Amino acid sequence: MTILFAYDGSDDAQAAVAYAARHVKPEPAVVMTVWEPLLEQINWAALAAVASVAAWQEGDGYEEQKQAERLARHGADLALANGLTQVTTRVERGGGPVWAAIVDVADELNASLIVTGSRGLAGARSVLLGSVSTRVLHQAHRPTLVVPPPKED
């Protein structure tokens, strides 16, 4: 079986990888980062804000993909540093919501567990920004560990 870590490089994602790597039974793991070309990200944000942005884009997203590969590698290094021994990386170009890509890859890998962080947003911010972790939790038909953000002092 495989543990799938959804990783975006945020402090919350780092905390989730570190926590799970220290607490789960060691098994092969995949650290996955979903990337989208910049203008596609802007279009998604515009939809959330009920605005429109032209979908013109120059280039093929090469730089965004390279950044995603660096993020996934960082997450894998973090998992290794916290006790896991078999960790690979995977980057996926998003063609829709990030949560859907995570669920699809979990299904493809037949993941025994999905691990994701949570930004802990509530109320209007959660509605506007959406919640990847909440969607994964409700759409994935497999165990999912959502690690909350660390408590602030």
N, C-alpha and C. Protein backbone atom coordinates (compact mmCIF):
# COMPACT_ATOMS: atom_id res chain seq x y z
N MET A 1 0.85 -1.18 0.00
CA MET A 1 0.00 0.00 0.00
C MET A 1 0.89 1.24 0.00
N THR A 2 0.28 2.37 -0.24
CA THR A 2 1.01 3.62 -0.40
C THR A 2 0.31 4.74 0.36
N ILE A 3 1.11 5.57 1.02
CA ILE A 3 0.59 6.79 1.63
C ILE A 3 0.78 7.91 0.62
N LEU A 4 -0.28 8.68 0.38
CA LEU A 4 -0.20 9.82 -0.53
C LEU A 4 -0.23 11.10 0.29
N PHE A 5 0.83 11.88 0.18
CA PHE A 5 0.90 13.18 0.84
C PHE A 5 0.57 14.25 -0.19
N ALA A 6 -0.45 15.06 0.07
CA ALA A 6 -0.75 16.22 -0.76
C ALA A 6 0.08 17.37 -0.21
N TYR A 7 0.94 17.95 -1.05
CA TYR A 7 1.94 18.88 -0.53
C TYR A 7 2.03 20.12 -1.41
N ASP A 8 1.82 21.30 -0.79
CA ASP A 8 1.92 22.56 -1.54
C ASP A 8 3.03 23.46 -1.02
N GLY A 9 3.82 22.97 -0.08
CA GLY A 9 4.93 23.75 0.44
C GLY A 9 4.56 24.69 1.58
N SER A 10 3.30 24.84 1.89
CA SER A 10 2.88 25.75 2.96
C SER A 10 3.33 25.21 4.32
N ASP A 11 3.32 26.08 5.32
CA ASP A 11 3.65 25.65 6.68
C ASP A 11 2.73 24.53 7.13
N ASP A 12 1.46 24.61 6.75
CA ASP A 12 0.48 23.60 7.13
C ASP A 12 0.79 22.26 6.48
N ALA A 13 1.20 22.28 5.22
CA ALA A 13 1.56 21.04 4.53
C ALA A 13 2.83 20.45 5.14
N GLN A 14 3.78 21.29 5.48
CA GLN A 14 5.00 20.81 6.12
C GLN A 14 4.68 20.14 7.46
N ALA A 15 3.82 20.76 8.23
CA ALA A 15 3.42 20.20 9.52
C ALA A 15 2.73 18.84 9.33
N ALA A 16 1.90 18.73 8.29
CA ALA A 16 1.19 17.48 8.03
C ALA A 16 2.16 16.36 7.66
N VAL A 17 3.12 16.65 6.80
CA VAL A 17 4.10 15.63 6.41
C VAL A 17 4.91 15.19 7.62
N ALA A 18 5.41 16.15 8.38
CA ALA A 18 6.23 15.82 9.55
C ALA A 18 5.44 14.99 10.56
N TYR A 19 4.20 15.40 10.84
CA TYR A 19 3.38 14.69 11.82
C TYR A 19 3.12 13.25 11.37
N ALA A 20 2.63 13.11 10.15
CA ALA A 20 2.27 11.77 9.67
C ALA A 20 3.49 10.87 9.54
N ALA A 21 4.61 11.42 9.07
CA ALA A 21 5.81 10.60 8.91
C ALA A 21 6.29 10.05 10.25
N ARG A 22 6.06 10.81 11.31
CA ARG A 22 6.46 10.35 12.65
C ARG A 22 5.46 9.38 13.27
N HIS A 23 4.21 9.38 12.80
CA HIS A 23 3.17 8.62 13.49
C HIS A 23 2.58 7.44 12.73
N VAL A 24 2.78 7.34 11.44
CA VAL A 24 2.18 6.23 10.70
C VAL A 24 3.17 5.09 10.56
N LYS A 25 2.63 3.92 10.32
CA LYS A 25 3.46 2.75 10.06
C LYS A 25 4.23 2.99 8.77
N PRO A 26 5.55 2.82 8.79
CA PRO A 26 6.33 3.08 7.57
C PRO A 26 5.89 2.17 6.42
N GLU A 27 5.59 2.77 5.32
CA GLU A 27 5.27 2.08 4.08
C GLU A 27 5.62 3.02 2.94
N PRO A 28 5.65 2.53 1.73
CA PRO A 28 6.00 3.43 0.61
C PRO A 28 5.08 4.65 0.60
N ALA A 29 5.67 5.79 0.26
CA ALA A 29 4.92 7.04 0.25
C ALA A 29 5.20 7.81 -1.03
N VAL A 30 4.21 8.58 -1.45
CA VAL A 30 4.34 9.48 -2.60
C VAL A 30 3.97 10.87 -2.12
N VAL A 31 4.85 11.83 -2.35
CA VAL A 31 4.56 13.23 -2.06
C VAL A 31 4.16 13.87 -3.37
N MET A 32 2.94 14.36 -3.43
CA MET A 32 2.36 14.88 -4.65
C MET A 32 2.12 16.38 -4.55
N THR A 33 2.52 17.09 -5.60
CA THR A 33 2.23 18.51 -5.72
C THR A 33 1.43 18.72 -6.99
N VAL A 34 0.35 19.43 -6.90
CA VAL A 34 -0.48 19.77 -8.07
C VAL A 34 -0.09 21.17 -8.50
N TRP A 35 0.19 21.34 -9.79
CA TRP A 35 0.57 22.66 -10.29
C TRP A 35 -0.37 23.06 -11.43
N GLU A 36 -0.50 24.35 -11.57
CA GLU A 36 -1.29 24.92 -12.66
C GLU A 36 -0.52 26.10 -13.23
N PRO A 37 -0.57 26.28 -14.55
CA PRO A 37 0.03 27.50 -15.11
C PRO A 37 -0.58 28.72 -14.44
N LEU A 38 0.22 29.77 -14.30
CA LEU A 38 -0.17 30.96 -13.55
C LEU A 38 -1.51 31.53 -13.99
N LEU A 39 -1.75 31.66 -15.26
CA LEU A 39 -3.02 32.27 -15.69
C LEU A 39 -4.22 31.37 -15.39
N GLU A 40 -4.01 30.07 -15.36
CA GLU A 40 -5.12 29.21 -14.95
C GLU A 40 -5.44 29.45 -13.48
N GLN A 41 -4.41 29.66 -12.66
CA GLN A 41 -4.64 29.98 -11.25
C GLN A 41 -5.41 31.28 -11.12
N ILE A 42 -5.03 32.26 -11.92
CA ILE A 42 -5.71 33.56 -11.89
C ILE A 42 -7.17 33.39 -12.30
N ASN A 43 -7.41 32.56 -13.31
CA ASN A 43 -8.79 32.32 -13.74
C ASN A 43 -9.61 31.67 -12.63
N TRP A 44 -9.03 30.68 -11.91
CA TRP A 44 -9.75 30.06 -10.80
C TRP A 44 -10.07 31.10 -9.73
N ALA A 45 -9.09 31.95 -9.40
CA ALA A 45 -9.32 32.99 -8.39
C ALA A 45 -10.39 33.96 -8.87
N ALA A 46 -10.35 34.27 -10.15
CA ALA A 46 -11.35 35.19 -10.70
C ALA A 46 -12.74 34.59 -10.60
N LEU A 47 -12.87 33.29 -10.86
CA LEU A 47 -14.18 32.65 -10.73
C LEU A 47 -14.67 32.73 -9.29
N ALA A 48 -13.76 32.54 -8.35
CA ALA A 48 -14.15 32.61 -6.94
C ALA A 48 -14.59 34.02 -6.57
N ALA A 49 -14.03 35.02 -7.23
CA ALA A 49 -14.38 36.41 -6.93
C ALA A 49 -15.46 36.94 -7.87
N VAL A 50 -16.02 36.06 -8.70
CA VAL A 50 -17.04 36.41 -9.67
C VAL A 50 -16.54 37.51 -10.61
N ALA A 51 -15.39 37.29 -11.16
CA ALA A 51 -14.81 38.19 -12.15
C ALA A 51 -14.33 37.36 -13.32
N SER A 52 -13.92 38.00 -14.38
CA SER A 52 -13.46 37.29 -15.57
C SER A 52 -12.07 37.75 -15.94
N VAL A 53 -11.25 36.80 -16.32
CA VAL A 53 -9.90 37.08 -16.78
C VAL A 53 -9.71 36.35 -18.09
N ALA A 54 -9.08 37.00 -19.06
CA ALA A 54 -8.82 36.35 -20.34
C ALA A 54 -7.94 35.13 -20.12
N ALA A 55 -8.20 34.07 -20.88
CA ALA A 55 -7.49 32.80 -20.70
C ALA A 55 -6.28 32.71 -21.61
N TRP A 56 -5.74 33.83 -22.06
CA TRP A 56 -4.56 33.81 -22.91
C TRP A 56 -3.33 33.54 -22.08
N GLN A 57 -2.49 32.67 -22.57
CA GLN A 57 -1.27 32.38 -21.84
C GLN A 57 -0.14 32.15 -22.83
N GLU A 58 1.01 32.73 -22.53
CA GLU A 58 2.19 32.52 -23.33
C GLU A 58 3.06 31.49 -22.63
N GLY A 59 3.58 30.53 -23.34
CA GLY A 59 4.41 29.50 -22.75
C GLY A 59 3.59 28.30 -22.35
N ASP A 60 4.28 27.30 -21.82
CA ASP A 60 3.62 26.04 -21.51
C ASP A 60 3.62 25.69 -20.03
N GLY A 61 3.98 26.62 -19.17
CA GLY A 61 3.97 26.35 -17.75
C GLY A 61 5.24 25.66 -17.25
N TYR A 62 6.30 25.72 -18.03
CA TYR A 62 7.55 25.04 -17.67
C TYR A 62 8.06 25.46 -16.29
N GLU A 63 8.07 26.76 -16.04
CA GLU A 63 8.58 27.24 -14.75
C GLU A 63 7.70 26.78 -13.59
N GLU A 64 6.38 26.80 -13.78
CA GLU A 64 5.48 26.35 -12.72
C GLU A 64 5.70 24.86 -12.44
N GLN A 65 5.91 24.07 -13.49
CA GLN A 65 6.16 22.65 -13.31
C GLN A 65 7.47 22.42 -12.55
N LYS A 66 8.51 23.15 -12.90
CA LYS A 66 9.79 23.02 -12.19
C LYS A 66 9.64 23.39 -10.71
N GLN A 67 8.89 24.44 -10.43
CA GLN A 67 8.64 24.83 -9.04
C GLN A 67 7.88 23.72 -8.31
N ALA A 68 6.90 23.12 -8.97
CA ALA A 68 6.15 22.03 -8.35
C ALA A 68 7.07 20.84 -8.06
N GLU A 69 7.98 20.56 -8.97
CA GLU A 69 8.93 19.46 -8.74
C GLU A 69 9.83 19.76 -7.54
N ARG A 70 10.27 21.01 -7.40
CA ARG A 70 11.08 21.39 -6.23
C ARG A 70 10.27 21.27 -4.94
N LEU A 71 9.00 21.69 -4.98
CA LEU A 71 8.14 21.57 -3.80
C LEU A 71 7.95 20.11 -3.40
N ALA A 72 7.66 19.26 -4.37
CA ALA A 72 7.46 17.84 -4.08
C ALA A 72 8.73 17.22 -3.50
N ARG A 73 9.87 17.59 -4.04
CA ARG A 73 11.15 17.08 -3.53
C ARG A 73 11.37 17.54 -2.08
N HIS A 74 11.02 18.81 -1.80
CA HIS A 74 11.13 19.33 -0.44
C HIS A 74 10.24 18.52 0.51
N GLY A 75 9.02 18.24 0.10
CA GLY A 75 8.12 17.43 0.92
C GLY A 75 8.65 16.02 1.14
N ALA A 76 9.23 15.43 0.10
CA ALA A 76 9.80 14.09 0.22
C ALA A 76 10.98 14.10 1.18
N ASP A 77 11.83 15.12 1.09
CA ASP A 77 12.97 15.23 2.01
C ASP A 77 12.48 15.36 3.45
N LEU A 78 11.40 16.10 3.65
CA LEU A 78 10.82 16.26 4.98
C LEU A 78 10.29 14.93 5.51
N ALA A 79 9.63 14.16 4.65
CA ALA A 79 9.12 12.85 5.05
C ALA A 79 10.28 11.91 5.42
N LEU A 80 11.34 11.95 4.64
CA LEU A 80 12.51 11.12 4.94
C LEU A 80 13.16 11.53 6.25
N ALA A 81 13.26 12.83 6.49
CA ALA A 81 13.88 13.34 7.72
C ALA A 81 13.07 12.98 8.96
N ASN A 82 11.77 12.68 8.76
CA ASN A 82 10.90 12.37 9.89
C ASN A 82 10.58 10.89 10.01
N GLY A 83 11.35 10.04 9.31
CA GLY A 83 11.24 8.61 9.57
C GLY A 83 10.79 7.71 8.44
N LEU A 84 10.21 8.24 7.38
CA LEU A 84 9.83 7.35 6.29
C LEU A 84 11.07 7.01 5.48
N THR A 85 11.08 5.84 4.85
CA THR A 85 12.28 5.40 4.14
C THR A 85 12.09 5.23 2.64
N GLN A 86 10.88 5.01 2.20
CA GLN A 86 10.60 4.83 0.77
C GLN A 86 9.68 5.94 0.30
N VAL A 87 10.25 7.01 -0.22
CA VAL A 87 9.45 8.17 -0.60
C VAL A 87 9.80 8.57 -2.03
N THR A 88 8.77 8.70 -2.86
CA THR A 88 8.95 9.21 -4.21
C THR A 88 8.12 10.48 -4.36
N THR A 89 8.34 11.17 -5.46
CA THR A 89 7.59 12.40 -5.72
C THR A 89 6.74 12.24 -6.97
N ARG A 90 5.74 13.10 -7.04
CA ARG A 90 4.88 13.12 -8.23
C ARG A 90 4.33 14.53 -8.36
N VAL A 91 4.33 15.04 -9.58
CA VAL A 91 3.69 16.33 -9.84
C VAL A 91 2.61 16.10 -10.88
N GLU A 92 1.52 16.79 -10.69
CA GLU A 92 0.37 16.69 -11.59
C GLU A 92 -0.04 18.07 -12.04
N ARG A 93 -0.26 18.23 -13.31
CA ARG A 93 -0.81 19.49 -13.82
C ARG A 93 -2.31 19.45 -13.59
N GLY A 94 -2.78 20.40 -12.82
CA GLY A 94 -4.21 20.46 -12.51
C GLY A 94 -5.01 20.90 -13.73
N GLY A 95 -6.10 20.25 -13.95
CA GLY A 95 -7.01 20.63 -15.01
C GLY A 95 -8.36 21.00 -14.44
N GLY A 96 -8.40 21.21 -13.17
CA GLY A 96 -9.62 21.51 -12.44
C GLY A 96 -9.25 21.72 -11.00
N PRO A 97 -10.16 21.47 -10.09
CA PRO A 97 -9.86 21.69 -8.68
C PRO A 97 -8.72 20.79 -8.20
N VAL A 98 -7.89 21.31 -7.33
CA VAL A 98 -6.76 20.56 -6.80
C VAL A 98 -7.24 19.31 -6.07
N TRP A 99 -8.31 19.43 -5.31
CA TRP A 99 -8.80 18.27 -4.56
C TRP A 99 -9.12 17.10 -5.49
N ALA A 100 -9.64 17.37 -6.67
CA ALA A 100 -9.99 16.30 -7.61
C ALA A 100 -8.75 15.56 -8.09
N ALA A 101 -7.67 16.30 -8.34
CA ALA A 101 -6.42 15.67 -8.76
C ALA A 101 -5.89 14.76 -7.65
N ILE A 102 -5.99 15.21 -6.41
CA ILE A 102 -5.52 14.42 -5.28
C ILE A 102 -6.33 13.13 -5.17
N VAL A 103 -7.64 13.23 -5.25
CA VAL A 103 -8.51 12.05 -5.15
C VAL A 103 -8.24 11.09 -6.31
N ASP A 104 -8.07 11.63 -7.51
CA ASP A 104 -7.80 10.77 -8.68
C ASP A 104 -6.48 10.01 -8.52
N VAL A 105 -5.44 10.68 -8.07
CA VAL A 105 -4.15 10.01 -7.89
C VAL A 105 -4.23 9.00 -6.76
N ALA A 106 -4.94 9.32 -5.70
CA ALA A 106 -5.12 8.36 -4.60
C ALA A 106 -5.80 7.09 -5.11
N ASP A 107 -6.81 7.27 -5.96
CA ASP A 107 -7.48 6.11 -6.54
C ASP A 107 -6.54 5.32 -7.44
N GLU A 108 -5.79 6.02 -8.28
CA GLU A 108 -4.84 5.37 -9.18
C GLU A 108 -3.81 4.55 -8.41
N LEU A 109 -3.30 5.10 -7.31
CA LEU A 109 -2.28 4.42 -6.50
C LEU A 109 -2.87 3.41 -5.54
N ASN A 110 -4.19 3.40 -5.41
CA ASN A 110 -4.87 2.63 -4.38
C ASN A 110 -4.25 2.94 -3.02
N ALA A 111 -4.14 4.24 -2.74
CA ALA A 111 -3.49 4.72 -1.52
C ALA A 111 -4.20 4.18 -0.28
N SER A 112 -3.39 3.76 0.69
CA SER A 112 -3.95 3.29 1.95
C SER A 112 -4.34 4.46 2.85
N LEU A 113 -3.74 5.64 2.58
CA LEU A 113 -4.01 6.83 3.38
C LEU A 113 -3.66 8.06 2.56
N ILE A 114 -4.48 9.08 2.65
CA ILE A 114 -4.18 10.40 2.09
C ILE A 114 -3.89 11.31 3.26
N VAL A 115 -2.79 12.06 3.18
CA VAL A 115 -2.42 13.00 4.23
C VAL A 115 -2.41 14.40 3.64
N THR A 116 -3.09 15.32 4.31
CA THR A 116 -3.10 16.71 3.87
C THR A 116 -3.13 17.63 5.09
N GLY A 117 -2.63 18.81 4.92
CA GLY A 117 -2.71 19.81 5.97
C GLY A 117 -4.00 20.59 5.83
N SER A 118 -4.27 21.39 6.82
CA SER A 118 -5.45 22.25 6.80
C SER A 118 -5.04 23.65 7.23
N ARG A 119 -5.50 24.64 6.51
CA ARG A 119 -5.15 26.01 6.87
C ARG A 119 -6.02 26.54 8.01
N GLY A 120 -7.06 25.81 8.35
CA GLY A 120 -7.88 26.21 9.48
C GLY A 120 -8.75 27.43 9.21
N LEU A 121 -9.08 27.66 7.93
CA LEU A 121 -9.94 28.80 7.61
C LEU A 121 -11.38 28.47 7.99
N ALA A 122 -12.12 29.48 8.32
CA ALA A 122 -13.52 29.30 8.67
C ALA A 122 -14.33 30.44 8.08
N GLY A 123 -15.62 30.26 8.09
CA GLY A 123 -16.52 31.32 7.66
C GLY A 123 -16.35 31.72 6.21
N ALA A 124 -16.42 33.03 5.95
CA ALA A 124 -16.39 33.55 4.59
C ALA A 124 -15.08 33.22 3.87
N ARG A 125 -13.96 33.25 4.58
CA ARG A 125 -12.68 32.94 3.93
C ARG A 125 -12.68 31.51 3.40
N SER A 126 -13.27 30.59 4.15
CA SER A 126 -13.33 29.21 3.71
C SER A 126 -14.21 29.07 2.47
N VAL A 127 -15.32 29.78 2.45
CA VAL A 127 -16.23 29.72 1.30
C VAL A 127 -15.56 30.30 0.06
N LEU A 128 -14.90 31.44 0.20
CA LEU A 128 -14.26 32.09 -0.94
C LEU A 128 -13.05 31.32 -1.45
N LEU A 129 -12.24 30.85 -0.54
CA LEU A 129 -11.00 30.17 -0.94
C LEU A 129 -11.19 28.68 -1.14
N GLY A 130 -12.28 28.14 -0.62
CA GLY A 130 -12.50 26.71 -0.72
C GLY A 130 -11.61 25.98 0.27
N SER A 131 -11.81 24.72 0.39
CA SER A 131 -11.00 23.93 1.29
C SER A 131 -10.64 22.63 0.60
N VAL A 132 -9.39 22.55 0.19
CA VAL A 132 -8.93 21.33 -0.46
C VAL A 132 -9.07 20.15 0.50
N SER A 133 -8.63 20.33 1.74
CA SER A 133 -8.68 19.22 2.69
C SER A 133 -10.11 18.74 2.94
N THR A 134 -11.05 19.66 3.05
CA THR A 134 -12.45 19.27 3.27
C THR A 134 -13.00 18.50 2.09
N ARG A 135 -12.70 18.98 0.88
CA ARG A 135 -13.17 18.28 -0.32
C ARG A 135 -12.55 16.89 -0.44
N VAL A 136 -11.26 16.78 -0.18
CA VAL A 136 -10.60 15.47 -0.23
C VAL A 136 -11.24 14.55 0.79
N LEU A 137 -11.44 15.04 2.00
CA LEU A 137 -12.04 14.24 3.06
C LEU A 137 -13.40 13.69 2.65
N HIS A 138 -14.21 14.52 1.99
CA HIS A 138 -15.57 14.11 1.65
C HIS A 138 -15.67 13.37 0.31
N GLN A 139 -14.71 13.55 -0.57
CA GLN A 139 -14.79 12.91 -1.89
C GLN A 139 -13.96 11.64 -2.02
N ALA A 140 -12.93 11.50 -1.22
CA ALA A 140 -12.09 10.30 -1.29
C ALA A 140 -12.78 9.18 -0.52
N HIS A 141 -12.80 8.03 -1.11
CA HIS A 141 -13.43 6.88 -0.45
C HIS A 141 -12.33 5.99 0.12
N ARG A 142 -11.48 6.63 0.93
CA ARG A 142 -10.38 5.94 1.59
C ARG A 142 -9.96 6.75 2.79
N PRO A 143 -9.24 6.17 3.71
CA PRO A 143 -8.84 6.92 4.91
C PRO A 143 -8.07 8.19 4.54
N THR A 144 -8.40 9.25 5.25
CA THR A 144 -7.77 10.56 5.02
C THR A 144 -7.43 11.18 6.36
N LEU A 145 -6.17 11.62 6.47
CA LEU A 145 -5.71 12.29 7.68
C LEU A 145 -5.54 13.76 7.36
N VAL A 146 -6.34 14.60 8.03
CA VAL A 146 -6.24 16.05 7.86
C VAL A 146 -5.58 16.58 9.13
N VAL A 147 -4.37 17.12 8.97
CA VAL A 147 -3.61 17.60 10.11
C VAL A 147 -3.87 19.09 10.26
N PRO A 148 -4.41 19.52 11.39
CA PRO A 148 -4.70 20.95 11.58
C PRO A 148 -3.42 21.76 11.71
N PRO A 149 -3.53 23.06 11.53
CA PRO A 149 -2.33 23.91 11.69
C PRO A 149 -1.84 23.86 13.12
N PRO A 150 -0.53 24.01 13.30
CA PRO A 150 0.00 24.03 14.68
C PRO A 150 -0.59 25.21 15.46
N LYS A 151 -0.73 25.01 16.76
CA LYS A 151 -1.23 26.08 17.62
C LYS A 151 -0.20 27.19 17.69
N GLU A 152 -0.69 28.43 17.64
CA GLU A 152 0.20 29.56 17.79
C GLU A 152 0.36 29.85 19.28
N ASP A 153 1.56 30.28 19.66
CA ASP A 153 1.82 30.59 21.07
C ASP A 153 1.15 31.87 21.49
